[in-house]
Structure formats: C-alpha cells, structure tokens
Amino acid sequence: MDNKNNNVFRLLALFNQFAMHMLVPIFLCSFLGYWLDQKMETGFLFILFFFLGALAGGRNVFLLARRVYDSDSTRPSESYAANLKKKNKEKERKHKSEV
C-alpha cells in the first residue's frame, strides 16, 4: 500500500511539474506582451508574446517528457540492450576461438 501511495504522489508531482513548465512561460510572456502593449499603445504584442510563451512552454514540456522517459525504470533501458549485445559478441568470440 505504501508503494502505491508513493507512486500516486510521484505522478501527481510530475503532473504539477508539467503544468508549471507549460503555464509559467505563457503567463510571463503574456504579461510582458500586455505591459508592452500598454506602454507602446499597440494591440498585437500581447498575442505575439502569448504564442511565444506557448512555444517556450511546449519546448519545456517536451524536454521534461524526454528526461522522464529516459529515466523511467519500468522499461528496459538501452544500457541493458547494449550489455546484452556485448555478451553475445563475447560468446561469439569464445566460440570462434574454440573452433
């Protein structure tokens, strides 16, 4: 039961991390665009900076997802596959040297 609760809290923290990585750049860029619109008396910078923040947030989420996927211990790792290939090559060399 303790491990199950630990996984739930871990996933909840991960979800919050994804949300923060996406929302913070959007809000900051939107606020900057709104502020610049007010100072410069324009009307398009808010939209421009909003999309810039959305792109930055999307990039952040992508990088976080890739980092989480690479460190996920539930899937077979690439190092396991590399070790398996190395062992197979060693077996082949031993077999060739015996023959």
PDB file of N, CA and C in Angstrom:
ATOM      1  N   MET A   1       0.819  -1.198   0.000  1.00  0.00           N
ATOM      2  CA  MET A   1       0.000   0.000   0.000  1.00  0.00           C
ATOM      3  C   MET A   1       0.858   1.255   0.000  1.00  0.00           C
ATOM      4  N   ASP A   2       1.967   1.213   0.721  1.00  0.00           N
ATOM      5  CA  ASP A   2       2.831   2.383   0.808  1.00  0.00           C
ATOM      6  C   ASP A   2       3.443   2.701  -0.556  1.00  0.00           C
ATOM      7  N   ASN A   3       3.840   1.665  -1.291  1.00  0.00           N
ATOM      8  CA  ASN A   3       4.418   1.863  -2.611  1.00  0.00           C
ATOM      9  C   ASN A   3       3.385   2.441  -3.575  1.00  0.00           C
ATOM     10  N   LYS A   4       2.133   2.001  -3.448  1.00  0.00           N
ATOM     11  CA  LYS A   4       1.073   2.521  -4.309  1.00  0.00           C
ATOM     12  C   LYS A   4       0.839   4.005  -4.038  1.00  0.00           C
ATOM     13  N   ASN A   5       0.803   4.395  -2.762  1.00  0.00           N
ATOM     14  CA  ASN A   5       0.650   5.807  -2.415  1.00  0.00           C
ATOM     15  C   ASN A   5       1.832   6.626  -2.898  1.00  0.00           C
ATOM     16  N   ASN A   6       3.014   6.053  -2.807  1.00  0.00           N
ATOM     17  CA  ASN A   6       4.208   6.744  -3.265  1.00  0.00           C
ATOM     18  C   ASN A   6       4.130   7.008  -4.770  1.00  0.00           C
ATOM     19  N   ASN A   7       3.651   6.037  -5.533  1.00  0.00           N
ATOM     20  CA  ASN A   7       3.507   6.222  -6.975  1.00  0.00           C
ATOM     21  C   ASN A   7       2.467   7.286  -7.305  1.00  0.00           C
ATOM     22  N   VAL A   8       1.381   7.316  -6.544  1.00  0.00           N
ATOM     23  CA  VAL A   8       0.345   8.317  -6.791  1.00  0.00           C
ATOM     24  C   VAL A   8       0.906   9.714  -6.553  1.00  0.00           C
ATOM     25  N   PHE A   9       1.624   9.897  -5.455  1.00  0.00           N
ATOM     26  CA  PHE A   9       2.196  11.206  -5.166  1.00  0.00           C
ATOM     27  C   PHE A   9       3.272  11.584  -6.179  1.00  0.00           C
ATOM     28  N   ARG A  10       4.027  10.587  -6.627  1.00  0.00           N
ATOM     29  CA  ARG A  10       5.051  10.857  -7.639  1.00  0.00           C
ATOM     30  C   ARG A  10       4.414  11.315  -8.951  1.00  0.00           C
ATOM     31  N   LEU A  11       3.343  10.650  -9.354  1.00  0.00           N
ATOM     32  CA  LEU A  11       2.657  11.038 -10.582  1.00  0.00           C
ATOM     33  C   LEU A  11       1.966  12.387 -10.449  1.00  0.00           C
ATOM     34  N   LEU A  12       1.420  12.669  -9.272  1.00  0.00           N
ATOM     35  CA  LEU A  12       0.796  13.971  -9.042  1.00  0.00           C
ATOM     36  C   LEU A  12       1.843  15.079  -9.110  1.00  0.00           C
ATOM     37  N   ALA A  13       3.006  14.843  -8.524  1.00  0.00           N
ATOM     38  CA  ALA A  13       4.089  15.826  -8.597  1.00  0.00           C
ATOM     39  C   ALA A  13       4.558  16.014 -10.035  1.00  0.00           C
ATOM     40  N   LEU A  14       4.627  14.931 -10.783  1.00  0.00           N
ATOM     41  CA  LEU A  14       5.033  15.014 -12.183  1.00  0.00           C
ATOM     42  C   LEU A  14       4.019  15.798 -13.001  1.00  0.00           C
ATOM     43  N   PHE A  15       2.736  15.581 -12.742  1.00  0.00           N
ATOM     44  CA  PHE A  15       1.689  16.328 -13.429  1.00  0.00           C
ATOM     45  C   PHE A  15       1.816  17.821 -13.125  1.00  0.00           C
ATOM     46  N   ASN A  16       2.035  18.157 -11.858  1.00  0.00           N
ATOM     47  CA  ASN A  16       2.206  19.563 -11.484  1.00  0.00           C
ATOM     48  C   ASN A  16       3.440  20.168 -12.139  1.00  0.00           C
ATOM     49  N   GLN A  17       4.484  19.381 -12.259  1.00  0.00           N
ATOM     50  CA  GLN A  17       5.695  19.858 -12.906  1.00  0.00           C
ATOM     51  C   GLN A  17       5.439  20.156 -14.386  1.00  0.00           C
ATOM     52  N   PHE A  18       4.703  19.285 -15.060  1.00  0.00           N
ATOM     53  CA  PHE A  18       4.341  19.541 -16.457  1.00  0.00           C
ATOM     54  C   PHE A  18       3.517  20.817 -16.578  1.00  0.00           C
ATOM     55  N   ALA A  19       2.556  20.988 -15.669  1.00  0.00           N
ATOM     56  CA  ALA A  19       1.699  22.176 -15.714  1.00  0.00           C
ATOM     57  C   ALA A  19       2.514  23.448 -15.510  1.00  0.00           C
ATOM     58  N   MET A  20       3.409  23.431 -14.556  1.00  0.00           N
ATOM     59  CA  MET A  20       4.226  24.616 -14.288  1.00  0.00           C
ATOM     60  C   MET A  20       5.157  24.923 -15.451  1.00  0.00           C
ATOM     61  N   HIS A  21       5.736  23.883 -16.039  1.00  0.00           N
ATOM     62  CA  HIS A  21       6.636  24.099 -17.174  1.00  0.00           C
ATOM     63  C   HIS A  21       5.894  24.677 -18.374  1.00  0.00           C
ATOM     64  N   MET A  22       4.593  24.433 -18.480  1.00  0.00           N
ATOM     65  CA  MET A  22       3.816  24.953 -19.597  1.00  0.00           C
ATOM     66  C   MET A  22       3.216  26.318 -19.279  1.00  0.00           C
ATOM     67  N   LEU A  23       2.673  26.486 -18.084  1.00  0.00           N
ATOM     68  CA  LEU A  23       1.911  27.696 -17.770  1.00  0.00           C
ATOM     69  C   LEU A  23       2.768  28.907 -17.424  1.00  0.00           C
ATOM     70  N   VAL A  24       3.877  28.703 -16.754  1.00  0.00           N
ATOM     71  CA  VAL A  24       4.700  29.846 -16.340  1.00  0.00           C
ATOM     72  C   VAL A  24       5.202  30.654 -17.538  1.00  0.00           C
ATOM     73  N   PRO A  25       5.778  30.029 -18.576  1.00  0.00           N
ATOM     74  CA  PRO A  25       6.201  30.844 -19.723  1.00  0.00           C
ATOM     75  C   PRO A  25       5.032  31.543 -20.421  1.00  0.00           C
ATOM     76  N   ILE A  26       3.877  30.886 -20.478  1.00  0.00           N
ATOM     77  CA  ILE A  26       2.725  31.516 -21.119  1.00  0.00           C
ATOM     78  C   ILE A  26       2.298  32.758 -20.337  1.00  0.00           C
ATOM     79  N   PHE A  27       2.172  32.635 -19.015  1.00  0.00           N
ATOM     80  CA  PHE A  27       1.755  33.781 -18.207  1.00  0.00           C
ATOM     81  C   PHE A  27       2.780  34.908 -18.233  1.00  0.00           C
ATOM     82  N   LEU A  28       4.057  34.561 -18.104  1.00  0.00           N
ATOM     83  CA  LEU A  28       5.085  35.602 -18.105  1.00  0.00           C
ATOM     84  C   LEU A  28       5.145  36.342 -19.441  1.00  0.00           C
ATOM     85  N   CYS A  29       5.126  35.595 -20.526  1.00  0.00           N
ATOM     86  CA  CYS A  29       5.177  36.235 -21.842  1.00  0.00           C
ATOM     87  C   CYS A  29       3.904  37.025 -22.121  1.00  0.00           C
ATOM     88  N   SER A  30       2.764  36.511 -21.695  1.00  0.00           N
ATOM     89  CA  SER A  30       1.508  37.243 -21.891  1.00  0.00           C
ATOM     90  C   SER A  30       1.517  38.545 -21.103  1.00  0.00           C
ATOM     91  N   PHE A  31       1.979  38.487 -19.867  1.00  0.00           N
ATOM     92  CA  PHE A  31       2.061  39.697 -19.059  1.00  0.00           C
ATOM     93  C   PHE A  31       3.013  40.707 -19.686  1.00  0.00           C
ATOM     94  N   LEU A  32       4.167  40.235 -20.169  1.00  0.00           N
ATOM     95  CA  LEU A  32       5.126  41.117 -20.821  1.00  0.00           C
ATOM     96  C   LEU A  32       4.511  41.740 -22.079  1.00  0.00           C
ATOM     97  N   GLY A  33       3.808  40.938 -22.867  1.00  0.00           N
ATOM     98  CA  GLY A  33       3.156  41.464 -24.063  1.00  0.00           C
ATOM     99  C   GLY A  33       2.079  42.481 -23.738  1.00  0.00           C
ATOM    100  N   TYR A  34       1.295  42.219 -22.702  1.00  0.00           N
ATOM    101  CA  TYR A  34       0.256  43.162 -22.286  1.00  0.00           C
ATOM    102  C   TYR A  34       0.890  44.463 -21.808  1.00  0.00           C
ATOM    103  N   TRP A  35       1.953  44.347 -21.003  1.00  0.00           N
ATOM    104  CA  TRP A  35       2.636  45.527 -20.480  1.00  0.00           C
ATOM    105  C   TRP A  35       3.231  46.359 -21.617  1.00  0.00           C
ATOM    106  N   LEU A  36       3.866  45.682 -22.584  1.00  0.00           N
ATOM    107  CA  LEU A  36       4.424  46.403 -23.739  1.00  0.00           C
ATOM    108  C   LEU A  36       3.328  47.039 -24.579  1.00  0.00           C
ATOM    109  N   ASP A  37       2.201  46.364 -24.728  1.00  0.00           N
ATOM    110  CA  ASP A  37       1.065  46.952 -25.449  1.00  0.00           C
ATOM    111  C   ASP A  37       0.603  48.239 -24.779  1.00  0.00           C
ATOM    112  N   GLN A  38       0.543  48.232 -23.459  1.00  0.00           N
ATOM    113  CA  GLN A  38       0.118  49.423 -22.730  1.00  0.00           C
ATOM    114  C   GLN A  38       1.139  50.554 -22.867  1.00  0.00           C
ATOM    115  N   LYS A  39       2.415  50.241 -22.783  1.00  0.00           N
ATOM    116  CA  LYS A  39       3.471  51.252 -22.872  1.00  0.00           C
ATOM    117  C   LYS A  39       3.596  51.828 -24.277  1.00  0.00           C
ATOM    118  N   MET A  40       3.509  50.959 -25.279  1.00  0.00           N
ATOM    119  CA  MET A  40       3.738  51.384 -26.658  1.00  0.00           C
ATOM    120  C   MET A  40       2.443  51.713 -27.390  1.00  0.00           C
ATOM    121  N   GLU A  41       1.316  51.522 -26.733  1.00  0.00           N
ATOM    122  CA  GLU A  41      -0.009  51.770 -27.308  1.00  0.00           C
ATOM    123  C   GLU A  41      -0.217  51.006 -28.617  1.00  0.00           C
ATOM    124  N   THR A  42       0.104  49.715 -28.558  1.00  0.00           N
ATOM    125  CA  THR A  42      -0.124  48.820 -29.693  1.00  0.00           C
ATOM    126  C   THR A  42      -1.165  47.791 -29.271  1.00  0.00           C
ATOM    127  N   GLY A  43      -1.512  46.889 -30.168  1.00  0.00           N
ATOM    128  CA  GLY A  43      -2.518  45.896 -29.835  1.00  0.00           C
ATOM    129  C   GLY A  43      -2.155  44.479 -30.241  1.00  0.00           C
ATOM    130  N   PHE A  44      -0.980  44.293 -30.763  1.00  0.00           N
ATOM    131  CA  PHE A  44      -0.639  42.965 -31.280  1.00  0.00           C
ATOM    132  C   PHE A  44       0.438  42.254 -30.474  1.00  0.00           C
ATOM    133  N   LEU A  45       1.151  42.957 -29.606  1.00  0.00           N
ATOM    134  CA  LEU A  45       2.261  42.339 -28.884  1.00  0.00           C
ATOM    135  C   LEU A  45       1.785  41.288 -27.885  1.00  0.00           C
ATOM    136  N   PHE A  46       0.611  41.492 -27.299  1.00  0.00           N
ATOM    137  CA  PHE A  46       0.089  40.501 -26.362  1.00  0.00           C
ATOM    138  C   PHE A  46      -0.065  39.154 -27.058  1.00  0.00           C
ATOM    139  N   ILE A  47      -0.650  39.155 -28.237  1.00  0.00           N
ATOM    140  CA  ILE A  47      -0.870  37.902 -28.983  1.00  0.00           C
ATOM    141  C   ILE A  47       0.464  37.290 -29.396  1.00  0.00           C
ATOM    142  N   LEU A  48       1.370  38.126 -29.862  1.00  0.00           N
ATOM    143  CA  LEU A  48       2.681  37.650 -30.281  1.00  0.00           C
ATOM    144  C   LEU A  48       3.430  37.007 -29.110  1.00  0.00           C
ATOM    145  N   PHE A  49       3.448  37.672 -27.976  1.00  0.00           N
ATOM    146  CA  PHE A  49       4.153  37.130 -26.820  1.00  0.00           C
ATOM    147  C   PHE A  49       3.427  35.928 -26.222  1.00  0.00           C
ATOM    148  N   PHE A  50       2.106  35.887 -26.331  1.00  0.00           N
ATOM    149  CA  PHE A  50       1.370  34.714 -25.867  1.00  0.00           C
ATOM    150  C   PHE A  50       1.818  33.472 -26.637  1.00  0.00           C
ATOM    151  N   PHE A  51       1.886  33.575 -27.955  1.00  0.00           N
ATOM    152  CA  PHE A  51       2.315  32.425 -28.751  1.00  0.00           C
ATOM    153  C   PHE A  51       3.793  32.101 -28.525  1.00  0.00           C
ATOM    154  N   LEU A  52       4.603  33.122 -28.280  1.00  0.00           N
ATOM    155  CA  LEU A  52       5.997  32.879 -27.942  1.00  0.00           C
ATOM    156  C   LEU A  52       6.102  32.099 -26.629  1.00  0.00           C
ATOM    157  N   GLY A  53       5.283  32.459 -25.652  1.00  0.00           N
ATOM    158  CA  GLY A  53       5.253  31.727 -24.380  1.00  0.00           C
ATOM    159  C   GLY A  53       4.744  30.311 -24.553  1.00  0.00           C
ATOM    160  N   ALA A  54       3.750  30.124 -25.433  1.00  0.00           N
ATOM    161  CA  ALA A  54       3.232  28.779 -25.687  1.00  0.00           C
ATOM    162  C   ALA A  54       4.303  27.903 -26.339  1.00  0.00           C
ATOM    163  N   LEU A  55       5.070  28.478 -27.246  1.00  0.00           N
ATOM    164  CA  LEU A  55       6.164  27.717 -27.860  1.00  0.00           C
ATOM    165  C   LEU A  55       7.231  27.359 -26.836  1.00  0.00           C
ATOM    166  N   ALA A  56       7.581  28.310 -25.974  1.00  0.00           N
ATOM    167  CA  ALA A  56       8.578  28.041 -24.938  1.00  0.00           C
ATOM    168  C   ALA A  56       8.060  26.981 -23.967  1.00  0.00           C
ATOM    169  N   GLY A  57       6.793  27.062 -23.594  1.00  0.00           N
ATOM    170  CA  GLY A  57       6.202  26.070 -22.702  1.00  0.00           C
ATOM    171  C   GLY A  57       6.154  24.694 -23.334  1.00  0.00           C
ATOM    172  N   GLY A  58       5.814  24.636 -24.601  1.00  0.00           N
ATOM    173  CA  GLY A  58       5.803  23.355 -25.309  1.00  0.00           C
ATOM    174  C   GLY A  58       7.183  22.731 -25.362  1.00  0.00           C
ATOM    175  N   ARG A  59       8.191  23.567 -25.584  1.00  0.00           N
ATOM    176  CA  ARG A  59       9.570  23.072 -25.587  1.00  0.00           C
ATOM    177  C   ARG A  59       9.953  22.548 -24.212  1.00  0.00           C
ATOM    178  N   ASN A  60       9.581  23.280 -23.167  1.00  0.00           N
ATOM    179  CA  ASN A  60       9.891  22.842 -21.806  1.00  0.00           C
ATOM    180  C   ASN A  60       9.236  21.499 -21.491  1.00  0.00           C
ATOM    181  N   VAL A  61       7.978  21.349 -21.880  1.00  0.00           N
ATOM    182  CA  VAL A  61       7.263  20.101 -21.622  1.00  0.00           C
ATOM    183  C   VAL A  61       7.892  18.952 -22.407  1.00  0.00           C
ATOM    184  N   PHE A  62       8.278  19.223 -23.640  1.00  0.00           N
ATOM    185  CA  PHE A  62       8.926  18.193 -24.450  1.00  0.00           C
ATOM    186  C   PHE A  62      10.230  17.728 -23.800  1.00  0.00           C
ATOM    187  N   LEU A  63      11.050  18.676 -23.357  1.00  0.00           N
ATOM    188  CA  LEU A  63      12.324  18.319 -22.732  1.00  0.00           C
ATOM    189  C   LEU A  63      12.105  17.569 -21.422  1.00  0.00           C
ATOM    190  N   LEU A  64      11.109  17.984 -20.651  1.00  0.00           N
ATOM    191  CA  LEU A  64      10.806  17.287 -19.400  1.00  0.00           C
ATOM    192  C   LEU A  64      10.307  15.870 -19.679  1.00  0.00           C
ATOM    193  N   ALA A  65       9.446  15.720 -20.678  1.00  0.00           N
ATOM    194  CA  ALA A  65       8.929  14.389 -21.009  1.00  0.00           C
ATOM    195  C   ALA A  65      10.053  13.476 -21.485  1.00  0.00           C
ATOM    196  N   ARG A  66      10.968  14.017 -22.263  1.00  0.00           N
ATOM    197  CA  ARG A  66      12.085  13.209 -22.735  1.00  0.00           C
ATOM    198  C   ARG A  66      12.983  12.787 -21.572  1.00  0.00           C
ATOM    199  N   ARG A  67      13.206  13.711 -20.625  1.00  0.00           N
ATOM    200  CA  ARG A  67      14.028  13.387 -19.462  1.00  0.00           C
ATOM    201  C   ARG A  67      13.345  12.337 -18.587  1.00  0.00           C
ATOM    202  N   VAL A  68      12.026  12.451 -18.419  1.00  0.00           N
ATOM    203  CA  VAL A  68      11.287  11.470 -17.620  1.00  0.00           C
ATOM    204  C   VAL A  68      11.299  10.119 -18.316  1.00  0.00           C
ATOM    205  N   TYR A  69      11.118  10.101 -19.629  1.00  0.00           N
ATOM    206  CA  TYR A  69      11.117   8.844 -20.374  1.00  0.00           C
ATOM    207  C   TYR A  69      12.481   8.167 -20.305  1.00  0.00           C
ATOM    208  N   ASP A  70      13.550   8.961 -20.410  1.00  0.00           N
ATOM    209  CA  ASP A  70      14.897   8.388 -20.361  1.00  0.00           C
ATOM    210  C   ASP A  70      15.228   7.820 -18.994  1.00  0.00           C
ATOM    211  N   SER A  71      14.658   8.375 -17.932  1.00  0.00           N
ATOM    212  CA  SER A  71      14.978   7.896 -16.586  1.00  0.00           C
ATOM    213  C   SER A  71      13.947   6.913 -16.053  1.00  0.00           C
ATOM    214  N   ASP A  72      12.968   6.535 -16.856  1.00  0.00           N
ATOM    215  CA  ASP A  72      11.917   5.625 -16.398  1.00  0.00           C
ATOM    216  C   ASP A  72      12.497   4.239 -16.186  1.00  0.00           C
ATOM    217  N   SER A  73      12.333   3.704 -14.981  1.00  0.00           N
ATOM    218  CA  SER A  73      12.931   2.408 -14.655  1.00  0.00           C
ATOM    219  C   SER A  73      12.019   1.238 -14.988  1.00  0.00           C
ATOM    220  N   THR A  74      10.803   1.505 -15.456  1.00  0.00           N
ATOM    221  CA  THR A  74       9.874   0.410 -15.744  1.00  0.00           C
ATOM    222  C   THR A  74      10.085  -0.177 -17.131  1.00  0.00           C
ATOM    223  N   ARG A  75      10.801   0.502 -17.977  1.00  0.00           N
ATOM    224  CA  ARG A  75      11.038  -0.027 -19.317  1.00  0.00           C
ATOM    225  C   ARG A  75      12.467  -0.542 -19.410  1.00  0.00           C
ATOM    226  N   PRO A  76      12.734  -1.462 -20.315  1.00  0.00           N
ATOM    227  CA  PRO A  76      14.113  -1.929 -20.457  1.00  0.00           C
ATOM    228  C   PRO A  76      15.005  -0.784 -20.943  1.00  0.00           C
ATOM    229  N   SER A  77      16.100  -0.608 -20.311  1.00  0.00           N
ATOM    230  CA  SER A  77      16.959   0.519 -20.667  1.00  0.00           C
ATOM    231  C   SER A  77      17.853   0.157 -21.846  1.00  0.00           C
ATOM    232  N   GLU A  78      18.381   1.199 -22.468  1.00  0.00           N
ATOM    233  CA  GLU A  78      19.279   0.988 -23.589  1.00  0.00           C
ATOM    234  C   GLU A  78      20.572   0.328 -23.110  1.00  0.00           C
ATOM    235  N   SER A  79      20.968   0.634 -21.877  1.00  0.00           N
ATOM    236  CA  SER A  79      22.192   0.027 -21.373  1.00  0.00           C
ATOM    237  C   SER A  79      22.025  -1.488 -21.233  1.00  0.00           C
ATOM    238  N   TYR A  80      20.822  -1.929 -20.881  1.00  0.00           N
ATOM    239  CA  TYR A  80      20.558  -3.363 -20.804  1.00  0.00           C
ATOM    240  C   TYR A  80      20.727  -3.999 -22.179  1.00  0.00           C
ATOM    241  N   ALA A  81      20.167  -3.345 -23.199  1.00  0.00           N
ATOM    242  CA  ALA A  81      20.288  -3.872 -24.558  1.00  0.00           C
ATOM    243  C   ALA A  81      21.748  -3.853 -25.014  1.00  0.00           C
ATOM    244  N   ALA A  82      22.477  -2.805 -24.658  1.00  0.00           N
ATOM    245  CA  ALA A  82      23.891  -2.730 -25.032  1.00  0.00           C
ATOM    246  C   ALA A  82      24.690  -3.825 -24.332  1.00  0.00           C
ATOM    247  N   ASN A  83      24.401  -4.075 -23.059  1.00  0.00           N
ATOM    248  CA  ASN A  83      25.087  -5.143 -22.327  1.00  0.00           C
ATOM    249  C   ASN A  83      24.773  -6.510 -22.923  1.00  0.00           C
ATOM    250  N   LEU A  84      23.535  -6.707 -23.344  1.00  0.00           N
ATOM    251  CA  LEU A  84      23.145  -7.965 -23.962  1.00  0.00           C
ATOM    252  C   LEU A  84      23.902  -8.187 -25.270  1.00  0.00           C
ATOM    253  N   LYS A  85      24.031  -7.141 -26.076  1.00  0.00           N
ATOM    254  CA  LYS A  85      24.781  -7.252 -27.322  1.00  0.00           C
ATOM    255  C   LYS A  85      26.249  -7.564 -27.048  1.00  0.00           C
ATOM    256  N   LYS A  86      26.801  -6.914 -26.030  1.00  0.00           N
ATOM    257  CA  LYS A  86      28.200  -7.143 -25.686  1.00  0.00           C
ATOM    258  C   LYS A  86      28.418  -8.592 -25.251  1.00  0.00           C
ATOM    259  N   LYS A  87      27.497  -9.127 -24.446  1.00  0.00           N
ATOM    260  CA  LYS A  87      27.611 -10.516 -24.011  1.00  0.00           C
ATOM    261  C   LYS A  87      27.518 -11.471 -25.190  1.00  0.00           C
ATOM    262  N   ASN A  88      26.624 -11.190 -26.127  1.00  0.00           N
ATOM    263  CA  ASN A  88      26.501 -12.035 -27.312  1.00  0.00           C
ATOM    264  C   ASN A  88      27.768 -12.016 -28.146  1.00  0.00           C
ATOM    265  N   LYS A  89      28.388 -10.840 -28.274  1.00  0.00           N
ATOM    266  CA  LYS A  89      29.640 -10.756 -29.035  1.00  0.00           C
ATOM    267  C   LYS A  89      30.748 -11.528 -28.339  1.00  0.00           C
ATOM    268  N   GLU A  90      30.796 -11.463 -27.018  1.00  0.00           N
ATOM    269  CA  GLU A  90      31.812 -12.213 -26.272  1.00  0.00           C
ATOM    270  C   GLU A  90      31.617 -13.713 -26.449  1.00  0.00           C
ATOM    271  N   LYS A  91      30.352 -14.167 -26.454  1.00  0.00           N
ATOM    272  CA  LYS A  91      30.073 -15.589 -26.680  1.00  0.00           C
ATOM    273  C   LYS A  91      30.522 -16.011 -28.068  1.00  0.00           C
ATOM    274  N   GLU A  92      30.276 -15.147 -29.055  1.00  0.00           N
ATOM    275  CA  GLU A  92      30.697 -15.459 -30.423  1.00  0.00           C
ATOM    276  C   GLU A  92      32.213 -15.559 -30.502  1.00  0.00           C
ATOM    277  N   ARG A  93      32.939 -14.642 -29.849  1.00  0.00           N
ATOM    278  CA  ARG A  93      34.401 -14.682 -29.861  1.00  0.00           C
ATOM    279  C   ARG A  93      34.921 -15.948 -29.199  1.00  0.00           C
ATOM    280  N   LYS A  94      34.327 -16.328 -28.088  1.00  0.00           N
ATOM    281  CA  LYS A  94      34.748 -17.558 -27.407  1.00  0.00           C
ATOM    282  C   LYS A  94      34.512 -18.773 -28.289  1.00  0.00           C
ATOM    283  N   HIS A  95      33.337 -18.761 -28.935  1.00  0.00           N
ATOM    284  CA  HIS A  95      33.010 -19.880 -29.794  1.00  0.00           C
ATOM    285  C   HIS A  95      33.973 -19.955 -30.969  1.00  0.00           C
ATOM    286  N   LYS A  96      34.329 -18.826 -31.570  1.00  0.00           N
ATOM    287  CA  LYS A  96      35.274 -18.794 -32.696  1.00  0.00           C
ATOM    288  C   LYS A  96      36.663 -19.225 -32.249  1.00  0.00           C
ATOM    289  N   SER A  97      37.074 -18.827 -31.058  1.00  0.00           N
ATOM    290  CA  SER A  97      38.414 -19.183 -30.594  1.00  0.00           C
ATOM    291  C   SER A  97      38.506 -20.665 -30.235  1.00  0.00           C
ATOM    292  N   GLU A  98      37.384 -21.285 -29.844  1.00  0.00           N
ATOM    293  CA  GLU A  98      37.384 -22.710 -29.533  1.00  0.00           C
ATOM    294  C   GLU A  98      37.430 -23.552 -30.786  1.00  0.00           C
ATOM    295  N   VAL A  99      36.898 -23.041 -31.866  1.00  0.00           N
ATOM    296  CA  VAL A  99      36.829 -23.808 -33.112  1.00  0.00           C
ATOM    297  C   VAL A  99      38.071 -23.715 -33.905  1.00  0.00           C
TER     298      VAL A  99
END
